[in-house]
Amino acid sequence: MSIMYLVFTDESGVVYSTYKKCQNRRQSALLVVGAVGIQENQLGLVNSWFADMKCSFFGNKHPRAPQALEIKGSILNSLRRGVTPNEWSSKSRRRAYTKDQKQVWSSLPPTQLRALEESVFDLMQRIKPTIWAVVVKQDKVYQRFKSKTWHPFYWALTYLQQRVLWHVQTNLGTYERGLLVLDENSNLRQGSQFDEFLRVRETINNTASWPAPFGMYLVDVPMFGQSHLHEALQLADIAAHSVWQHVNKTDSLGWFGRIEPLLAHHWRTGKVDHAGLTFIE
């Protein structure tokens, strides 16, 4: 029986799926797809830690159970810096569950926000996951290829799967398989989108000098979950947002430095370049 290596994936930034949308963009063109890989037997620790954190910091302040509250990287980072999160702006697209969490987040004083931040990164240090991040410089990609480029999210997810596969093959047991759990998003919501992703993945993979045998070490169809209901997806959100702040040169809290030691390292160079941190431009 196969043992699962769980890889939780989330993105930070806006996906511009066409050249025209990227030309008319209002936000940064940088897209980060981040992933946090843990052993299957670590999932219970992650869930327990998050449940304890939420009860400790939010208690009965949430209208529903505190476990339903999401520890979201962009909100925590913004409040730690003393600015209003984009999610709370009337101009921003809001998720339904974000509205009833605003009041709860707003009730935390600066000392508790800092303590919560430390607790999240303490969990990272305790479980020591392997982290990957693929950064797509969408403006540069579209300038080079115009409308002929691949979908930025599919391109990033392909690179991510290649790196996860080599990690599973090289570092884990013969019978282990990598299983990707993606935060629900509009890029792979329909069957036709998934068919297109597989086509793009095959095309990109065939250009590699050492094509990745996806079916041997990865479960080909990823699972999907809602990040506010799955604690490990919230770790992926923190990792992706840490990288997003770093590449946008806005990382005043030094979050990237907290996760950098956990990024996957290249087998030959020992560096994170083209392994834990990959740029598409």
Protein backbone atom coordinates (compact mmCIF):
# COMPACT_ATOMS: atom_id res chain seq x y z
CA MET A 1 0.00 0.00 0.00
CA SER A 2 1.35 3.42 -0.97
CA ILE A 3 2.17 5.98 1.71
CA MET A 4 1.19 9.52 0.82
CA TYR A 5 3.52 12.51 0.89
CA LEU A 6 1.09 15.41 1.17
CA VAL A 7 1.87 18.63 -0.68
CA PHE A 8 -0.45 21.54 0.13
CA THR A 9 -0.54 24.26 -2.52
CA ASP A 10 -1.81 27.83 -2.61
CA GLU A 11 -1.15 30.92 -4.70
CA SER A 12 -0.52 34.56 -3.88
CA GLY A 13 -1.17 37.31 -6.38
CA VAL A 14 -3.56 37.64 -9.30
CA VAL A 15 -3.59 35.19 -12.22
CA TYR A 16 -3.83 37.01 -15.56
CA SER A 17 -5.03 34.23 -17.83
CA THR A 18 -4.74 36.21 -21.09
CA TYR A 19 -2.40 38.75 -22.63
CA LYS A 20 -5.18 41.35 -22.73
CA LYS A 21 -5.97 40.96 -19.01
CA CYS A 22 -2.31 41.36 -18.15
CA GLN A 23 -2.10 44.52 -20.27
CA ASN A 24 -5.06 46.01 -18.37
CA ARG A 25 -3.97 44.85 -14.93
CA ARG A 26 -4.48 46.95 -11.81
CA GLN A 27 -2.32 44.88 -9.49
CA SER A 28 1.18 43.39 -9.48
CA ALA A 29 1.89 40.99 -12.33
CA LEU A 30 3.83 38.67 -10.05
CA LEU A 31 2.12 35.35 -9.33
CA VAL A 32 3.47 32.98 -6.68
CA VAL A 33 2.38 29.36 -6.43
CA GLY A 34 3.70 27.95 -3.18
CA ALA A 35 3.67 24.43 -1.76
CA VAL A 36 4.38 22.88 1.62
CA GLY A 37 5.22 19.17 1.71
CA ILE A 38 4.76 17.08 4.85
CA GLN A 39 4.68 13.41 5.73
CA GLU A 40 1.22 11.93 6.11
CA ASN A 41 1.80 11.22 9.81
CA GLN A 42 2.49 14.93 10.46
CA LEU A 43 -1.00 16.01 9.44
CA GLY A 44 -2.45 15.30 12.88
CA LEU A 45 0.17 17.52 14.53
CA VAL A 46 -0.57 20.37 12.10
CA ASN A 47 -4.33 20.12 12.68
CA SER A 48 -3.90 19.94 16.46
CA TRP A 49 -1.49 22.89 16.55
CA PHE A 50 -3.80 25.07 14.49
CA ALA A 51 -6.82 24.13 16.61
CA ASP A 52 -4.92 25.08 19.75
CA MET A 53 -3.73 28.37 18.20
CA LYS A 54 -7.20 29.37 17.09
CA CYS A 55 -8.80 28.56 20.44
CA SER A 56 -6.01 30.35 22.30
CA PHE A 57 -6.03 33.54 20.24
CA PHE A 58 -9.63 33.75 19.05
CA GLY A 59 -11.51 31.73 21.68
CA ASN A 60 -15.26 32.27 21.44
CA LYS A 61 -14.97 35.51 19.50
CA HIS A 62 -15.93 33.86 16.23
CA PRO A 63 -19.67 33.52 15.55
CA ARG A 64 -19.05 29.87 14.72
CA ALA A 65 -16.38 27.51 16.00
CA PRO A 66 -12.91 29.10 16.13
CA GLN A 67 -11.61 26.24 13.98
CA ALA A 68 -13.52 27.74 11.05
CA LEU A 69 -11.42 30.90 11.17
CA GLU A 70 -8.60 31.07 8.63
CA ILE A 71 -5.13 32.22 9.64
CA LYS A 72 -4.48 33.95 6.34
CA GLY A 73 -1.01 35.23 5.50
CA SER A 74 -2.06 38.47 3.80
CA ILE A 75 -4.36 39.46 6.69
CA LEU A 76 -1.86 38.61 9.43
CA ASN A 77 0.96 40.35 7.56
CA SER A 78 -1.08 43.49 6.95
CA LEU A 79 -2.31 43.77 10.53
CA ARG A 80 1.20 43.19 11.86
CA ARG A 81 2.31 46.17 9.76
CA GLY A 82 -0.64 48.26 10.91
CA VAL A 83 -2.39 48.52 7.54
CA THR A 84 -5.85 47.46 6.37
CA PRO A 85 -5.86 44.09 4.54
CA ASN A 86 -6.89 44.20 0.89
CA GLU A 87 -9.52 41.56 1.66
CA TRP A 88 -11.39 44.13 3.72
CA SER A 89 -11.46 46.79 1.02
CA SER A 90 -14.80 47.45 -0.64
CA LYS A 91 -12.96 47.46 -3.98
CA SER A 92 -11.60 43.97 -3.43
CA ARG A 93 -13.37 40.76 -4.33
CA ARG A 94 -14.42 39.31 -0.99
CA ARG A 95 -14.90 35.70 -0.08
CA ALA A 96 -18.11 35.08 1.84
CA TYR A 97 -16.37 33.82 4.97
CA THR A 98 -14.01 36.82 5.11
CA LYS A 99 -16.74 39.22 6.22
CA ASP A 100 -17.60 37.56 9.51
CA GLN A 101 -13.91 37.15 10.36
CA LYS A 102 -13.00 40.81 10.05
CA GLN A 103 -14.38 41.69 13.47
CA VAL A 104 -12.55 38.79 15.08
CA TRP A 105 -9.20 39.75 13.56
CA SER A 106 -9.74 43.39 14.48
CA SER A 107 -10.14 42.45 18.14
CA LEU A 108 -6.54 41.22 18.42
CA PRO A 109 -4.09 43.77 19.90
CA PRO A 110 -0.57 44.12 18.40
CA THR A 111 0.97 41.90 21.10
CA GLN A 112 -1.34 39.02 20.24
CA LEU A 113 -0.84 39.48 16.51
CA ARG A 114 2.90 39.16 17.03
CA ALA A 115 2.47 36.12 19.27
CA LEU A 116 0.24 34.49 16.63
CA GLU A 117 2.85 35.19 13.96
CA GLU A 118 5.54 33.57 16.12
CA SER A 119 3.35 30.55 16.78
CA VAL A 120 2.77 29.94 13.06
CA PHE A 121 6.49 30.02 12.30
CA ASP A 122 7.19 27.89 15.39
CA LEU A 123 4.98 25.23 13.83
CA MET A 124 6.96 25.48 10.59
CA GLN A 125 10.19 24.95 12.52
CA ARG A 126 8.78 22.01 14.43
CA ILE A 127 7.53 19.98 11.45
CA LYS A 128 10.28 21.24 9.09
CA PRO A 129 8.32 20.83 5.84
CA THR A 130 9.89 21.09 2.42
CA ILE A 131 8.74 24.26 0.69
CA TRP A 132 8.63 25.09 -3.01
CA ALA A 133 7.63 28.32 -4.72
CA VAL A 134 7.27 29.12 -8.40
CA VAL A 135 7.20 32.82 -9.27
CA VAL A 136 5.69 33.83 -12.63
CA LYS A 137 6.61 37.30 -13.86
CA GLN A 138 3.49 37.50 -15.97
CA ASP A 139 4.26 40.87 -17.55
CA LYS A 140 7.61 39.63 -18.89
CA VAL A 141 6.12 36.32 -20.05
CA TYR A 142 3.36 38.05 -22.00
CA GLN A 143 5.79 40.60 -23.45
CA ARG A 144 7.84 37.73 -24.85
CA PHE A 145 5.10 35.43 -26.10
CA LYS A 146 2.01 37.68 -26.33
CA SER A 147 -1.15 35.58 -26.58
CA LYS A 148 0.80 32.42 -27.45
CA THR A 149 2.05 31.79 -23.94
CA TRP A 150 0.78 29.01 -21.70
CA HIS A 151 -1.67 29.78 -18.95
CA PRO A 152 0.51 31.18 -16.11
CA PHE A 153 -1.06 28.99 -13.42
CA TYR A 154 -0.72 25.80 -15.48
CA TRP A 155 2.89 26.66 -16.26
CA ALA A 156 3.69 27.25 -12.59
CA LEU A 157 1.86 24.11 -11.45
CA THR A 158 3.76 22.01 -13.99
CA TYR A 159 7.12 23.25 -12.70
CA LEU A 160 5.94 22.68 -9.15
CA GLN A 161 4.86 19.11 -9.88
CA GLN A 162 8.20 18.36 -11.56
CA ARG A 163 10.11 19.47 -8.49
CA VAL A 164 7.84 17.64 -6.07
CA LEU A 165 8.14 14.46 -8.13
CA TRP A 166 11.95 14.51 -8.05
CA HIS A 167 11.83 15.10 -4.31
CA VAL A 168 9.57 12.09 -3.78
CA GLN A 169 11.67 9.87 -6.04
CA THR A 170 15.02 10.89 -4.57
CA ASN A 171 14.30 11.36 -0.87
CA LEU A 172 11.36 9.13 0.01
CA GLY A 173 10.62 5.43 -0.03
CA THR A 174 9.89 3.34 -3.09
CA TYR A 175 6.22 2.98 -2.21
CA GLU A 176 5.49 6.62 -1.48
CA ARG A 177 3.41 8.82 -3.75
CA GLY A 178 3.06 12.58 -3.73
CA LEU A 179 -0.48 13.90 -3.45
CA LEU A 180 -1.15 17.57 -4.20
CA VAL A 181 -3.93 19.28 -2.28
CA LEU A 182 -4.81 22.59 -3.94
CA ASP A 183 -6.74 25.48 -2.48
CA GLU A 184 -9.95 25.80 -4.48
CA ASN A 185 -9.47 28.22 -7.34
CA SER A 186 -11.07 29.18 -10.63
CA ASN A 187 -8.14 27.97 -12.74
CA LEU A 188 -8.98 24.25 -12.48
CA ARG A 189 -12.65 24.32 -11.58
CA GLN A 190 -13.93 22.67 -14.76
CA GLY A 191 -13.06 19.41 -16.46
CA SER A 192 -12.08 21.25 -19.65
CA GLN A 193 -9.57 23.32 -17.65
CA PHE A 194 -8.00 20.20 -16.21
CA ASP A 195 -7.75 18.67 -19.70
CA GLU A 196 -6.00 21.84 -20.87
CA PHE A 197 -3.64 21.75 -17.89
CA LEU A 198 -2.65 18.14 -18.66
CA ARG A 199 -2.00 19.10 -22.29
CA VAL A 200 0.15 22.06 -21.25
CA ARG A 201 1.98 19.93 -18.68
CA GLU A 202 2.78 17.29 -21.29
CA THR A 203 4.09 19.93 -23.71
CA ILE A 204 6.29 21.60 -21.09
CA ASN A 205 7.52 18.29 -19.71
CA ASN A 206 8.60 17.10 -23.15
CA THR A 207 10.91 20.12 -23.46
CA ALA A 208 12.87 19.08 -20.35
CA SER A 209 16.20 17.32 -20.70
CA TRP A 210 14.98 14.82 -18.12
CA PRO A 211 11.17 14.55 -18.43
CA ALA A 212 9.36 13.78 -15.20
CA PRO A 213 7.47 10.44 -15.05
CA PHE A 214 4.41 11.96 -13.38
CA GLY A 215 2.35 8.78 -13.11
CA MET A 216 5.04 6.90 -11.20
CA TYR A 217 5.52 9.18 -8.21
CA LEU A 218 2.51 11.51 -8.12
CA VAL A 219 -1.21 10.96 -7.88
CA ASP A 220 -2.15 12.50 -11.20
CA VAL A 221 -5.39 14.14 -10.12
CA PRO A 222 -4.91 16.68 -7.29
CA MET A 223 -7.39 17.06 -4.49
CA PHE A 224 -9.06 20.39 -3.76
CA GLY A 225 -10.01 21.97 -0.46
CA GLN A 226 -11.03 25.30 1.03
CA SER A 227 -8.14 26.90 2.85
CA HIS A 228 -10.25 28.17 5.75
CA LEU A 229 -11.27 24.57 6.51
CA HIS A 230 -7.92 22.83 5.98
CA GLU A 231 -5.14 23.92 8.33
CA ALA A 232 -2.23 22.63 6.24
CA LEU A 233 -3.44 24.72 3.30
CA GLN A 234 -3.02 27.73 5.56
CA LEU A 235 0.68 26.87 5.91
CA ALA A 236 0.91 26.91 2.10
CA ASP A 237 -0.83 30.30 2.12
CA ILE A 238 1.74 31.65 4.62
CA ALA A 239 4.62 30.29 2.52
CA ALA A 240 3.25 31.70 -0.76
CA HIS A 241 2.60 35.10 0.79
CA SER A 242 6.09 35.18 2.32
CA VAL A 243 7.61 34.68 -1.13
CA TRP A 244 5.18 37.18 -2.70
CA GLN A 245 6.25 39.86 -0.20
CA HIS A 246 9.91 39.04 -0.91
CA VAL A 247 9.71 39.26 -4.71
CA ASN A 248 7.65 42.46 -4.48
CA LYS A 249 10.31 43.92 -2.15
CA THR A 250 7.73 44.62 0.58
CA ASP A 251 8.88 42.06 3.13
CA SER A 252 9.37 44.48 6.02
CA LEU A 253 8.61 41.74 8.57
CA GLY A 254 11.26 39.37 7.21
CA TRP A 255 8.89 36.46 6.61
CA PHE A 256 10.91 35.14 3.68
CA GLY A 257 13.93 34.72 5.92
CA ARG A 258 11.82 32.56 8.22
CA ILE A 259 10.94 30.07 5.47
CA GLU A 260 14.10 30.26 3.34
CA PRO A 261 15.93 27.48 5.27
CA LEU A 262 12.99 25.18 4.52
CA LEU A 263 13.03 25.71 0.74
CA ALA A 264 14.10 22.69 -1.32
CA HIS A 265 17.75 22.78 -2.38
CA HIS A 266 19.15 21.82 -5.76
CA TRP A 267 20.84 18.43 -5.73
CA ARG A 268 23.95 19.69 -7.52
CA THR A 269 24.45 23.29 -6.35
CA GLY A 270 22.94 23.04 -2.88
CA LYS A 271 21.07 26.30 -3.56
CA VAL A 272 17.35 27.03 -3.65
CA ASP A 273 17.54 28.40 -7.20
CA HIS A 274 15.67 26.20 -9.72
CA ALA A 275 14.62 23.94 -6.85
CA GLY A 276 12.79 25.49 -3.91
CA LEU A 277 12.53 28.85 -5.68
CA THR A 278 11.89 28.93 -9.43
CA PHE A 279 11.26 31.97 -11.64
CA ILE A 280 9.35 31.94 -14.93
CA GLU A 281 10.02 35.08 -16.96
